[in-house]
Amino acid sequence: MSEGSVIHLAREAIALVLLLAGPLLAVSLGVGLMVSVFQAATQIQEQTLTFVPKLLAILATLLLLGSWMMNTMLSFTVNHLSGLGRFLR
């Protein structure tokens, strides 16, 4: 396995992680921002108030995008495991 192929594999893995984590992070950021604006407007400074809406939003996002995420990870894994014979020689 050459240095170039290792770098290529690592670059693809990092891109996949960013692709899969991006929607979850964006939803969490959006919900956190909305809760922060609500807390600032109502002057409620409860620290635990942000966790439940974020948790529910991430759960809903996982329910909506979970099959796509799993198919993406599965195709990445199958593609790299099917080419494993090239690296073992």
Protein backbone atom coordinates (compact mmCIF):
# COMPACT_ATOMS: atom_id res chain seq x y z
CA MET A 1 0.00 0.00 0.00
CA SER A 2 1.62 3.19 -1.15
CA GLU A 3 1.65 6.50 0.64
CA GLY A 4 -0.58 8.04 -2.01
CA SER A 5 -3.28 5.40 -1.60
CA VAL A 6 -3.26 5.85 2.18
CA ILE A 7 -3.65 9.61 1.79
CA HIS A 8 -6.45 9.09 -0.74
CA LEU A 9 -8.27 6.69 1.60
CA ALA A 10 -7.89 9.08 4.54
CA ARG A 11 -9.14 12.00 2.45
CA GLU A 12 -12.21 10.02 1.36
CA ALA A 13 -12.90 8.95 4.96
CA ILE A 14 -12.67 12.53 6.23
CA ALA A 15 -14.97 13.73 3.44
CA LEU A 16 -17.47 11.02 4.35
CA VAL A 17 -17.40 11.97 8.02
CA LEU A 18 -18.01 15.63 7.15
CA LEU A 19 -20.81 14.69 4.76
CA LEU A 20 -22.56 12.54 7.34
CA ALA A 21 -22.03 14.78 10.37
CA GLY A 22 -22.85 18.03 8.55
CA PRO A 23 -26.65 17.80 8.64
CA LEU A 24 -26.69 16.79 12.30
CA LEU A 25 -24.36 19.60 13.28
CA ALA A 26 -26.31 22.14 11.23
CA VAL A 27 -29.62 21.13 12.84
CA SER A 28 -28.05 21.23 16.30
CA LEU A 29 -26.60 24.67 15.59
CA GLY A 30 -29.91 26.00 14.31
CA VAL A 31 -31.91 24.69 17.26
CA GLY A 32 -29.29 25.97 19.71
CA LEU A 33 -29.46 29.41 18.13
CA MET A 34 -33.25 29.50 18.31
CA VAL A 35 -33.25 28.39 21.96
CA SER A 36 -30.61 31.01 22.78
CA VAL A 37 -32.71 33.76 21.18
CA PHE A 38 -35.74 32.51 23.12
CA GLN A 39 -33.75 32.52 26.36
CA ALA A 40 -32.46 36.02 25.70
CA ALA A 41 -35.94 37.32 24.88
CA THR A 42 -37.60 35.80 27.93
CA GLN A 43 -34.60 36.12 30.26
CA ILE A 44 -34.87 32.47 31.22
CA GLN A 45 -31.32 31.36 31.96
CA GLU A 46 -31.85 27.67 32.58
CA GLN A 47 -28.75 25.75 31.44
CA THR A 48 -30.55 22.47 30.78
CA LEU A 49 -33.21 24.03 28.53
CA THR A 50 -31.05 23.66 25.41
CA PHE A 51 -30.51 19.91 25.67
CA VAL A 52 -34.04 18.59 25.17
CA PRO A 53 -34.84 20.56 21.96
CA LYS A 54 -31.43 19.68 20.50
CA LEU A 55 -31.88 16.03 21.38
CA LEU A 56 -35.34 15.91 19.79
CA ALA A 57 -34.15 17.74 16.67
CA ILE A 58 -31.17 15.42 16.23
CA LEU A 59 -33.39 12.38 16.76
CA ALA A 60 -35.82 13.64 14.10
CA THR A 61 -32.92 14.32 11.73
CA LEU A 62 -31.58 10.81 12.29
CA LEU A 63 -35.01 9.36 11.60
CA LEU A 64 -35.27 11.33 8.36
CA LEU A 65 -31.70 10.89 7.12
CA GLY A 66 -30.72 7.62 8.81
CA SER A 67 -31.28 5.38 5.81
CA TRP A 68 -29.31 7.72 3.54
CA MET A 69 -26.48 7.84 6.08
CA MET A 70 -26.41 4.07 6.40
CA ASN A 71 -26.45 3.55 2.63
CA THR A 72 -23.61 6.05 2.21
CA MET A 73 -21.49 4.34 4.85
CA LEU A 74 -22.33 0.92 3.43
CA SER A 75 -21.32 1.87 -0.12
CA PHE A 76 -18.06 3.39 1.16
CA THR A 77 -17.28 0.24 3.12
CA VAL A 78 -18.20 -2.14 0.31
CA ASN A 79 -16.14 -0.16 -2.22
CA HIS A 80 -13.05 -0.24 -0.04
CA LEU A 81 -13.41 -3.82 1.14
CA SER A 82 -13.97 -5.06 -2.41
CA GLY A 83 -10.67 -3.45 -3.43
CA LEU A 84 -8.81 -4.88 -0.47
CA GLY A 85 -7.15 -7.50 -2.66
CA ARG A 86 -5.15 -4.81 -4.45
CA PHE A 87 -3.55 -3.69 -1.20
CA LEU A 88 -2.65 -7.17 0.05
CA ARG A 89 -0.35 -8.00 -2.87
